[in-house]
Amino acid sequence: MEIKKAAVAGTLESSDCMVTVEPGNGTLELDLDSAVIRQFGRQIRKVINDTLASLEVTDAKVTVVDKGALDCTIKARVECAVYRSNDISKNLPWGGAIK
């Protein structure tokens, strides 16, 4: 899926994360800032990259500010930001329908 415009999902509240996606420069660029990066940085990056791969996003600048979000929250925020960047708001495949 192509990232058509900048979009944001999430908050900076505790146990949440804010995900920003923007059109890329030909590659997938991930910038992660997390309160728990030392303990869970690899897992957070894996969840983000796996979610982007399932959405077939290969060209984007993704910025994530994590405040201790669970994997399911991170996945939902990434999905939401990608959908918003494409103005998709109806018939969303939530709930694990995305492979």
PDB file of N, CA and C in Angstrom:
ATOM      1  N   MET A   1       0.844  -1.168   0.000  1.00  0.00           N
ATOM      2  CA  MET A   1       0.000   0.000   0.000  1.00  0.00           C
ATOM      3  C   MET A   1       0.892   1.234   0.000  1.00  0.00           C
ATOM      4  N   GLU A   2       0.557   2.182  -0.776  1.00  0.00           N
ATOM      5  CA  GLU A   2       1.320   3.424  -0.876  1.00  0.00           C
ATOM      6  C   GLU A   2       0.893   4.401   0.217  1.00  0.00           C
ATOM      7  N   ILE A   3       1.845   5.113   0.775  1.00  0.00           N
ATOM      8  CA  ILE A   3       1.545   6.178   1.731  1.00  0.00           C
ATOM      9  C   ILE A   3       1.360   7.451   0.913  1.00  0.00           C
ATOM     10  N   LYS A   4       0.125   7.934   0.845  1.00  0.00           N
ATOM     11  CA  LYS A   4      -0.187   9.065  -0.025  1.00  0.00           C
ATOM     12  C   LYS A   4       0.034  10.418   0.635  1.00  0.00           C
ATOM     13  N   LYS A   5      -0.195  10.483   1.954  1.00  0.00           N
ATOM     14  CA  LYS A   5      -0.012  11.744   2.675  1.00  0.00           C
ATOM     15  C   LYS A   5       0.329  11.431   4.123  1.00  0.00           C
ATOM     16  N   ALA A   6       0.801  12.413   4.839  1.00  0.00           N
ATOM     17  CA  ALA A   6       1.135  12.229   6.252  1.00  0.00           C
ATOM     18  C   ALA A   6      -0.130  11.970   7.053  1.00  0.00           C
ATOM     19  N   ALA A   7      -0.021  11.073   8.016  1.00  0.00           N
ATOM     20  CA  ALA A   7      -1.152  10.747   8.875  1.00  0.00           C
ATOM     21  C   ALA A   7      -0.632  10.319  10.243  1.00  0.00           C
ATOM     22  N   VAL A   8      -1.476  10.519  11.260  1.00  0.00           N
ATOM     23  CA  VAL A   8      -1.108  10.216  12.645  1.00  0.00           C
ATOM     24  C   VAL A   8      -2.206   9.384  13.290  1.00  0.00           C
ATOM     25  N   ALA A   9      -1.793   8.471  14.174  1.00  0.00           N
ATOM     26  CA  ALA A   9      -2.735   7.707  14.987  1.00  0.00           C
ATOM     27  C   ALA A   9      -2.129   7.521  16.364  1.00  0.00           C
ATOM     28  N   GLY A  10      -2.970   7.578  17.389  1.00  0.00           N
ATOM     29  CA  GLY A  10      -2.516   7.348  18.754  1.00  0.00           C
ATOM     30  C   GLY A  10      -2.334   8.615  19.552  1.00  0.00           C
ATOM     31  N   THR A  11      -1.893   8.426  20.793  1.00  0.00           N
ATOM     32  CA  THR A  11      -1.680   9.539  21.718  1.00  0.00           C
ATOM     33  C   THR A  11      -0.338   9.355  22.416  1.00  0.00           C
ATOM     34  N   LEU A  12       0.005  10.320  23.218  1.00  0.00           N
ATOM     35  CA  LEU A  12       1.225  10.247  24.019  1.00  0.00           C
ATOM     36  C   LEU A  12       0.915   9.914  25.475  1.00  0.00           C
ATOM     37  N   GLU A  13      -0.258   9.329  25.701  1.00  0.00           N
ATOM     38  CA  GLU A  13      -0.643   8.903  27.043  1.00  0.00           C
ATOM     39  C   GLU A  13       0.122   7.637  27.427  1.00  0.00           C
ATOM     40  N   SER A  14       0.177   7.353  28.703  1.00  0.00           N
ATOM     41  CA  SER A  14       0.813   6.141  29.182  1.00  0.00           C
ATOM     42  C   SER A  14       0.117   4.919  28.589  1.00  0.00           C
ATOM     43  N   SER A  15       0.886   3.894  28.242  1.00  0.00           N
ATOM     44  CA  SER A  15       0.400   2.642  27.653  1.00  0.00           C
ATOM     45  C   SER A  15      -0.160   2.810  26.244  1.00  0.00           C
ATOM     46  N   ASP A  16       0.245   3.851  25.545  1.00  0.00           N
ATOM     47  CA  ASP A  16      -0.179   4.084  24.165  1.00  0.00           C
ATOM     48  C   ASP A  16       1.054   4.444  23.348  1.00  0.00           C
ATOM     49  N   CYS A  17       0.862   4.697  22.075  1.00  0.00           N
ATOM     50  CA  CYS A  17       1.941   5.175  21.234  1.00  0.00           C
ATOM     51  C   CYS A  17       1.362   6.068  20.148  1.00  0.00           C
ATOM     52  N   MET A  18       2.176   6.962  19.649  1.00  0.00           N
ATOM     53  CA  MET A  18       1.766   7.833  18.549  1.00  0.00           C
ATOM     54  C   MET A  18       2.580   7.436  17.328  1.00  0.00           C
ATOM     55  N   VAL A  19       1.856   7.085  16.266  1.00  0.00           N
ATOM     56  CA  VAL A  19       2.485   6.650  15.023  1.00  0.00           C
ATOM     57  C   VAL A  19       2.215   7.693  13.949  1.00  0.00           C
ATOM     58  N   THR A  20       3.272   8.143  13.298  1.00  0.00           N
ATOM     59  CA  THR A  20       3.166   9.072  12.175  1.00  0.00           C
ATOM     60  C   THR A  20       3.748   8.394  10.948  1.00  0.00           C
ATOM     61  N   VAL A  21       2.990   8.402   9.857  1.00  0.00           N
ATOM     62  CA  VAL A  21       3.502   7.878   8.590  1.00  0.00           C
ATOM     63  C   VAL A  21       3.520   9.009   7.573  1.00  0.00           C
ATOM     64  N   GLU A  22       4.553   9.012   6.755  1.00  0.00           N
ATOM     65  CA  GLU A  22       4.715  10.012   5.706  1.00  0.00           C
ATOM     66  C   GLU A  22       5.237   9.326   4.455  1.00  0.00           C
ATOM     67  N   PRO A  23       4.997   9.909   3.284  1.00  0.00           N
ATOM     68  CA  PRO A  23       5.580   9.332   2.074  1.00  0.00           C
ATOM     69  C   PRO A  23       7.091   9.235   2.216  1.00  0.00           C
ATOM     70  N   GLY A  24       7.655   8.161   1.688  1.00  0.00           N
ATOM     71  CA  GLY A  24       9.081   7.913   1.831  1.00  0.00           C
ATOM     72  C   GLY A  24       9.900   8.385   0.655  1.00  0.00           C
ATOM     73  N   ASN A  25      11.169   8.057   0.725  1.00  0.00           N
ATOM     74  CA  ASN A  25      12.126   8.410  -0.326  1.00  0.00           C
ATOM     75  C   ASN A  25      12.637   7.171  -1.034  1.00  0.00           C
ATOM     76  N   GLY A  26      11.770   6.180  -1.211  1.00  0.00           N
ATOM     77  CA  GLY A  26      12.165   4.961  -1.888  1.00  0.00           C
ATOM     78  C   GLY A  26      12.516   3.814  -0.966  1.00  0.00           C
ATOM     79  N   THR A  27      12.550   4.062   0.343  1.00  0.00           N
ATOM     80  CA  THR A  27      12.858   3.017   1.315  1.00  0.00           C
ATOM     81  C   THR A  27      11.908   3.130   2.499  1.00  0.00           C
ATOM     82  N   LEU A  28      11.981   2.153   3.366  1.00  0.00           N
ATOM     83  CA  LEU A  28      11.205   2.171   4.596  1.00  0.00           C
ATOM     84  C   LEU A  28      12.121   2.662   5.709  1.00  0.00           C
ATOM     85  N   GLU A  29      11.797   3.801   6.275  1.00  0.00           N
ATOM     86  CA  GLU A  29      12.608   4.408   7.331  1.00  0.00           C
ATOM     87  C   GLU A  29      11.796   4.432   8.620  1.00  0.00           C
ATOM     88  N   LEU A  30      12.343   3.856   9.688  1.00  0.00           N
ATOM     89  CA  LEU A  30      11.646   3.783  10.967  1.00  0.00           C
ATOM     90  C   LEU A  30      12.434   4.530  12.027  1.00  0.00           C
ATOM     91  N   ASP A  31      11.765   5.465  12.689  1.00  0.00           N
ATOM     92  CA  ASP A  31      12.351   6.207  13.801  1.00  0.00           C
ATOM     93  C   ASP A  31      11.531   5.863  15.041  1.00  0.00           C
ATOM     94  N   LEU A  32      12.146   5.213  16.011  1.00  0.00           N
ATOM     95  CA  LEU A  32      11.453   4.756  17.213  1.00  0.00           C
ATOM     96  C   LEU A  32      12.002   5.451  18.438  1.00  0.00           C
ATOM     97  N   ASP A  33      11.107   6.037  19.222  1.00  0.00           N
ATOM     98  CA  ASP A  33      11.435   6.625  20.518  1.00  0.00           C
ATOM     99  C   ASP A  33      10.531   5.939  21.531  1.00  0.00           C
ATOM    100  N   SER A  34      11.120   5.232  22.478  1.00  0.00           N
ATOM    101  CA  SER A  34      10.319   4.467  23.428  1.00  0.00           C
ATOM    102  C   SER A  34      10.859   4.588  24.839  1.00  0.00           C
ATOM    103  N   ALA A  35       9.938   4.654  25.787  1.00  0.00           N
ATOM    104  CA  ALA A  35      10.308   4.685  27.192  1.00  0.00           C
ATOM    105  C   ALA A  35      10.881   3.342  27.641  1.00  0.00           C
ATOM    106  N   VAL A  36      10.605   2.281  26.869  1.00  0.00           N
ATOM    107  CA  VAL A  36      11.049   0.933  27.243  1.00  0.00           C
ATOM    108  C   VAL A  36      11.919   0.314  26.145  1.00  0.00           C
ATOM    109  N   ILE A  37      12.656   1.147  25.429  1.00  0.00           N
ATOM    110  CA  ILE A  37      13.418   0.661  24.280  1.00  0.00           C
ATOM    111  C   ILE A  37      14.498  -0.343  24.671  1.00  0.00           C
ATOM    112  N   ARG A  38      15.091  -0.187  25.842  1.00  0.00           N
ATOM    113  CA  ARG A  38      16.153  -1.114  26.265  1.00  0.00           C
ATOM    114  C   ARG A  38      15.603  -2.522  26.490  1.00  0.00           C
ATOM    115  N   GLN A  39      14.413  -2.606  27.053  1.00  0.00           N
ATOM    116  CA  GLN A  39      13.829  -3.913  27.337  1.00  0.00           C
ATOM    117  C   GLN A  39      13.117  -4.505  26.126  1.00  0.00           C
ATOM    118  N   PHE A  40      12.397  -3.682  25.357  1.00  0.00           N
ATOM    119  CA  PHE A  40      11.490  -4.194  24.333  1.00  0.00           C
ATOM    120  C   PHE A  40      11.711  -3.612  22.939  1.00  0.00           C
ATOM    121  N   GLY A  41      12.812  -2.917  22.719  1.00  0.00           N
ATOM    122  CA  GLY A  41      13.050  -2.266  21.433  1.00  0.00           C
ATOM    123  C   GLY A  41      12.973  -3.201  20.241  1.00  0.00           C
ATOM    124  N   ARG A  42      13.594  -4.382  20.349  1.00  0.00           N
ATOM    125  CA  ARG A  42      13.565  -5.344  19.233  1.00  0.00           C
ATOM    126  C   ARG A  42      12.145  -5.800  18.927  1.00  0.00           C
ATOM    127  N   GLN A  43      11.382  -6.109  19.983  1.00  0.00           N
ATOM    128  CA  GLN A  43      10.014  -6.579  19.795  1.00  0.00           C
ATOM    129  C   GLN A  43       9.137  -5.475  19.207  1.00  0.00           C
ATOM    130  N   ILE A  44       9.295  -4.247  19.661  1.00  0.00           N
ATOM    131  CA  ILE A  44       8.505  -3.135  19.129  1.00  0.00           C
ATOM    132  C   ILE A  44       8.806  -2.951  17.643  1.00  0.00           C
ATOM    133  N   ARG A  45      10.076  -2.964  17.282  1.00  0.00           N
ATOM    134  CA  ARG A  45      10.457  -2.839  15.862  1.00  0.00           C
ATOM    135  C   ARG A  45       9.880  -3.989  15.028  1.00  0.00           C
ATOM    136  N   LYS A  46       9.908  -5.196  15.585  1.00  0.00           N
ATOM    137  CA  LYS A  46       9.362  -6.355  14.873  1.00  0.00           C
ATOM    138  C   LYS A  46       7.869  -6.185  14.621  1.00  0.00           C
ATOM    139  N   VAL A  47       7.124  -5.757  15.624  1.00  0.00           N
ATOM    140  CA  VAL A  47       5.678  -5.560  15.467  1.00  0.00           C
ATOM    141  C   VAL A  47       5.401  -4.502  14.402  1.00  0.00           C
ATOM    142  N   ILE A  48       6.129  -3.406  14.441  1.00  0.00           N
ATOM    143  CA  ILE A  48       5.946  -2.334  13.459  1.00  0.00           C
ATOM    144  C   ILE A  48       6.278  -2.840  12.061  1.00  0.00           C
ATOM    145  N   ASN A  49       7.434  -3.464  11.899  1.00  0.00           N
ATOM    146  CA  ASN A  49       7.850  -3.951  10.580  1.00  0.00           C
ATOM    147  C   ASN A  49       6.931  -5.050  10.049  1.00  0.00           C
ATOM    148  N   ASP A  50       6.495  -5.958  10.921  1.00  0.00           N
ATOM    149  CA  ASP A  50       5.577  -7.016  10.498  1.00  0.00           C
ATOM    150  C   ASP A  50       4.231  -6.438  10.054  1.00  0.00           C
ATOM    151  N   THR A  51       3.749  -5.437  10.778  1.00  0.00           N
ATOM    152  CA  THR A  51       2.475  -4.805  10.427  1.00  0.00           C
ATOM    153  C   THR A  51       2.588  -4.076   9.094  1.00  0.00           C
ATOM    154  N   LEU A  52       3.669  -3.339   8.905  1.00  0.00           N
ATOM    155  CA  LEU A  52       3.880  -2.655   7.625  1.00  0.00           C
ATOM    156  C   LEU A  52       4.004  -3.658   6.484  1.00  0.00           C
ATOM    157  N   ALA A  53       4.680  -4.767   6.729  1.00  0.00           N
ATOM    158  CA  ALA A  53       4.820  -5.799   5.699  1.00  0.00           C
ATOM    159  C   ALA A  53       3.465  -6.405   5.344  1.00  0.00           C
ATOM    160  N   SER A  54       2.618  -6.647   6.349  1.00  0.00           N
ATOM    161  CA  SER A  54       1.298  -7.225   6.079  1.00  0.00           C
ATOM    162  C   SER A  54       0.416  -6.265   5.281  1.00  0.00           C
ATOM    163  N   LEU A  55       0.680  -4.978   5.409  1.00  0.00           N
ATOM    164  CA  LEU A  55      -0.051  -3.962   4.641  1.00  0.00           C
ATOM    165  C   LEU A  55       0.642  -3.643   3.319  1.00  0.00           C
ATOM    166  N   GLU A  56       1.761  -4.317   3.070  1.00  0.00           N
ATOM    167  CA  GLU A  56       2.557  -4.140   1.852  1.00  0.00           C
ATOM    168  C   GLU A  56       3.064  -2.708   1.686  1.00  0.00           C
ATOM    169  N   VAL A  57       3.473  -2.108   2.804  1.00  0.00           N
ATOM    170  CA  VAL A  57       4.075  -0.776   2.798  1.00  0.00           C
ATOM    171  C   VAL A  57       5.588  -0.972   2.695  1.00  0.00           C
ATOM    172  N   THR A  58       6.190  -0.449   1.633  1.00  0.00           N
ATOM    173  CA  THR A  58       7.629  -0.603   1.421  1.00  0.00           C
ATOM    174  C   THR A  58       8.349   0.727   1.264  1.00  0.00           C
ATOM    175  N   ASP A  59       7.592   1.808   1.153  1.00  0.00           N
ATOM    176  CA  ASP A  59       8.182   3.125   0.931  1.00  0.00           C
ATOM    177  C   ASP A  59       7.493   4.123   1.845  1.00  0.00           C
ATOM    178  N   ALA A  60       8.109   4.400   3.000  1.00  0.00           N
ATOM    179  CA  ALA A  60       7.484   5.312   3.961  1.00  0.00           C
ATOM    180  C   ALA A  60       8.493   5.750   5.004  1.00  0.00           C
ATOM    181  N   LYS A  61       8.198   6.880   5.606  1.00  0.00           N
ATOM    182  CA  LYS A  61       8.919   7.325   6.787  1.00  0.00           C
ATOM    183  C   LYS A  61       7.943   7.143   7.943  1.00  0.00           C
ATOM    184  N   VAL A  62       8.314   6.315   8.895  1.00  0.00           N
ATOM    185  CA  VAL A  62       7.436   5.989  10.020  1.00  0.00           C
ATOM    186  C   VAL A  62       8.119   6.437  11.302  1.00  0.00           C
ATOM    187  N   THR A  63       7.407   7.232  12.084  1.00  0.00           N
ATOM    188  CA  THR A  63       7.905   7.705  13.375  1.00  0.00           C
ATOM    189  C   THR A  63       6.974   7.189  14.455  1.00  0.00           C
ATOM    190  N   VAL A  64       7.538   6.522  15.449  1.00  0.00           N
ATOM    191  CA  VAL A  64       6.737   5.979  16.543  1.00  0.00           C
ATOM    192  C   VAL A  64       7.289   6.503  17.862  1.00  0.00           C
ATOM    193  N   VAL A  65       6.424   7.107  18.649  1.00  0.00           N
ATOM    194  CA  VAL A  65       6.755   7.530  20.006  1.00  0.00           C
ATOM    195  C   VAL A  65       5.942   6.635  20.929  1.00  0.00           C
ATOM    196  N   ASP A  66       6.621   5.723  21.594  1.00  0.00           N
ATOM    197  CA  ASP A  66       5.969   4.703  22.408  1.00  0.00           C
ATOM    198  C   ASP A  66       6.033   5.064  23.885  1.00  0.00           C
ATOM    199  N   LYS A  67       4.921   4.876  24.563  1.00  0.00           N
ATOM    200  CA  LYS A  67       4.847   5.128  26.003  1.00  0.00           C
ATOM    201  C   LYS A  67       4.458   3.854  26.747  1.00  0.00           C
ATOM    202  N   GLY A  68       4.983   2.723  26.263  1.00  0.00           N
ATOM    203  CA  GLY A  68       4.719   1.455  26.933  1.00  0.00           C
ATOM    204  C   GLY A  68       3.510   0.722  26.385  1.00  0.00           C
ATOM    205  N   ALA A  69       3.202   0.897  25.115  1.00  0.00           N
ATOM    206  CA  ALA A  69       2.041   0.254  24.498  1.00  0.00           C
ATOM    207  C   ALA A  69       2.264  -1.242  24.326  1.00  0.00           C
ATOM    208  N   LEU A  70       1.200  -2.002  24.422  1.00  0.00           N
ATOM    209  CA  LEU A  70       1.242  -3.429  24.136  1.00  0.00           C
ATOM    210  C   LEU A  70       1.355  -3.646  22.632  1.00  0.00           C
ATOM    211  N   ASP A  71       1.776  -4.849  22.237  1.00  0.00           N
ATOM    212  CA  ASP A  71       1.936  -5.161  20.813  1.00  0.00           C
ATOM    213  C   ASP A  71       0.655  -4.912  20.026  1.00  0.00           C
ATOM    214  N   CYS A  72      -0.502  -5.323  20.582  1.00  0.00           N
ATOM    215  CA  CYS A  72      -1.766  -5.152  19.864  1.00  0.00           C
ATOM    216  C   CYS A  72      -2.094  -3.676  19.652  1.00  0.00           C
ATOM    217  N   THR A  73      -1.709  -2.829  20.585  1.00  0.00           N
ATOM    218  CA  THR A  73      -1.940  -1.394  20.452  1.00  0.00           C
ATOM    219  C   THR A  73      -1.034  -0.810  19.381  1.00  0.00           C
ATOM    220  N   ILE A  74       0.216  -1.216  19.380  1.00  0.00           N
ATOM    221  CA  ILE A  74       1.166  -0.738  18.366  1.00  0.00           C
ATOM    222  C   ILE A  74       0.669  -1.128  16.977  1.00  0.00           C
ATOM    223  N   LYS A  75       0.252  -2.376  16.823  1.00  0.00           N
ATOM    224  CA  LYS A  75      -0.246  -2.855  15.530  1.00  0.00           C
ATOM    225  C   LYS A  75      -1.459  -2.033  15.085  1.00  0.00           C
ATOM    226  N   ALA A  76      -2.398  -1.812  15.991  1.00  0.00           N
ATOM    227  CA  ALA A  76      -3.606  -1.054  15.650  1.00  0.00           C
ATOM    228  C   ALA A  76      -3.269   0.385  15.255  1.00  0.00           C
ATOM    229  N   ARG A  77      -2.328   0.998  15.940  1.00  0.00           N
ATOM    230  CA  ARG A  77      -1.946   2.383  15.620  1.00  0.00           C
ATOM    231  C   ARG A  77      -1.263   2.463  14.263  1.00  0.00           C
ATOM    232  N   VAL A  78      -0.399   1.511  13.955  1.00  0.00           N
ATOM    233  CA  VAL A  78       0.278   1.500  12.651  1.00  0.00           C
ATOM    234  C   VAL A  78      -0.756   1.317  11.543  1.00  0.00           C
ATOM    235  N   GLU A  79      -1.652   0.338  11.714  1.00  0.00           N
ATOM    236  CA  GLU A  79      -2.705   0.105  10.715  1.00  0.00           C
ATOM    237  C   GLU A  79      -3.535   1.356  10.501  1.00  0.00           C
ATOM    238  N   CYS A  80      -3.964   1.981  11.588  1.00  0.00           N
ATOM    239  CA  CYS A  80      -4.810   3.170  11.508  1.00  0.00           C
ATOM    240  C   CYS A  80      -4.108   4.300  10.772  1.00  0.00           C
ATOM    241  N   ALA A  81      -2.851   4.543  11.088  1.00  0.00           N
ATOM    242  CA  ALA A  81      -2.113   5.623  10.431  1.00  0.00           C
ATOM    243  C   ALA A  81      -1.983   5.364   8.931  1.00  0.00           C
ATOM    244  N   VAL A  82      -1.714   4.112   8.550  1.00  0.00           N
ATOM    245  CA  VAL A  82      -1.590   3.776   7.128  1.00  0.00           C
ATOM    246  C   VAL A  82      -2.935   3.975   6.425  1.00  0.00           C
ATOM    247  N   TYR A  83      -4.011   3.503   7.038  1.00  0.00           N
ATOM    248  CA  TYR A  83      -5.339   3.697   6.437  1.00  0.00           C
ATOM    249  C   TYR A  83      -5.684   5.179   6.306  1.00  0.00           C
ATOM    250  N   ARG A  84      -5.392   5.947   7.334  1.00  0.00           N
ATOM    251  CA  ARG A  84      -5.673   7.394   7.271  1.00  0.00           C
ATOM    252  C   ARG A  84      -4.874   8.068   6.162  1.00  0.00           C
ATOM    253  N   SER A  85      -3.663   7.614   5.932  1.00  0.00           N
ATOM    254  CA  SER A  85      -2.837   8.223   4.891  1.00  0.00           C
ATOM    255  C   SER A  85      -3.429   7.997   3.501  1.00  0.00           C
ATOM    256  N   ASN A  86      -4.312   7.010   3.399  1.00  0.00           N
ATOM    257  CA  ASN A  86      -4.966   6.693   2.129  1.00  0.00           C
ATOM    258  C   ASN A  86      -6.446   7.056   2.133  1.00  0.00           C
ATOM    259  N   ASP A  87      -6.898   7.780   3.158  1.00  0.00           N
ATOM    260  CA  ASP A  87      -8.299   8.167   3.302  1.00  0.00           C
ATOM    261  C   ASP A  87      -9.244   6.974   3.282  1.00  0.00           C
ATOM    262  N   ILE A  88      -8.804   5.848   3.824  1.00  0.00           N
ATOM    263  CA  ILE A  88      -9.653   4.660   3.934  1.00  0.00           C
ATOM    264  C   ILE A  88     -10.333   4.707   5.298  1.00  0.00           C
ATOM    265  N   SER A  89     -11.658   4.788   5.301  1.00  0.00           N
ATOM    266  CA  SER A  89     -12.375   4.873   6.566  1.00  0.00           C
ATOM    267  C   SER A  89     -13.589   3.944   6.641  1.00  0.00           C
ATOM    268  N   LYS A  90     -13.855   3.193   5.575  1.00  0.00           N
ATOM    269  CA  LYS A  90     -14.998   2.276   5.580  1.00  0.00           C
ATOM    270  C   LYS A  90     -14.527   0.868   5.262  1.00  0.00           C
ATOM    271  N   ASN A  91     -15.236  -0.104   5.843  1.00  0.00           N
ATOM    272  CA  ASN A  91     -14.946  -1.522   5.613  1.00  0.00           C
ATOM    273  C   ASN A  91     -13.501  -1.908   5.941  1.00  0.00           C
ATOM    274  N   LEU A  92     -13.019  -1.384   7.041  1.00  0.00           N
ATOM    275  CA  LEU A  92     -11.657  -1.694   7.467  1.00  0.00           C
ATOM    276  C   LEU A  92     -11.575  -3.131   7.986  1.00  0.00           C
ATOM    277  N   PRO A  93     -10.520  -3.837   7.632  1.00  0.00           N
ATOM    278  CA  PRO A  93     -10.377  -5.236   8.080  1.00  0.00           C
ATOM    279  C   PRO A  93      -9.758  -5.353   9.473  1.00  0.00           C
ATOM    280  N   TRP A  94     -10.414  -4.824  10.487  1.00  0.00           N
ATOM    281  CA  TRP A  94      -9.898  -4.899  11.856  1.00  0.00           C
ATOM    282  C   TRP A  94     -10.052  -6.301  12.400  1.00  0.00           C
ATOM    283  N   GLY A  95      -9.420  -6.535  13.518  1.00  0.00           N
ATOM    284  CA  GLY A  95      -9.610  -7.776  14.247  1.00  0.00           C
ATOM    285  C   GLY A  95      -8.863  -8.961  13.693  1.00  0.00           C
ATOM    286  N   GLY A  96      -7.687  -8.748  13.165  1.00  0.00           N
ATOM    287  CA  GLY A  96      -6.882  -9.860  12.696  1.00  0.00           C
ATOM    288  C   GLY A  96      -7.160 -10.299  11.276  1.00  0.00           C
ATOM    289  N   ALA A  97      -8.004  -9.590  10.565  1.00  0.00           N
ATOM    290  CA  ALA A  97      -8.309  -9.947   9.180  1.00  0.00           C
ATOM    291  C   ALA A  97      -7.129  -9.674   8.270  1.00  0.00           C
ATOM    292  N   ILE A  98      -6.222  -8.800   8.689  1.00  0.00           N
ATOM    293  CA  ILE A  98      -5.029  -8.493   7.897  1.00  0.00           C
ATOM    294  C   ILE A  98      -4.023  -9.604   8.114  1.00  0.00           C
ATOM    295  N   LYS A  99      -3.525 -10.170   7.065  1.00  0.00           N
ATOM    296  CA  LYS A  99      -2.553 -11.262   7.153  1.00  0.00           C
ATOM    297  C   LYS A  99      -1.155 -10.708   7.241  1.00  0.00           C
TER     298      LYS A  99
END
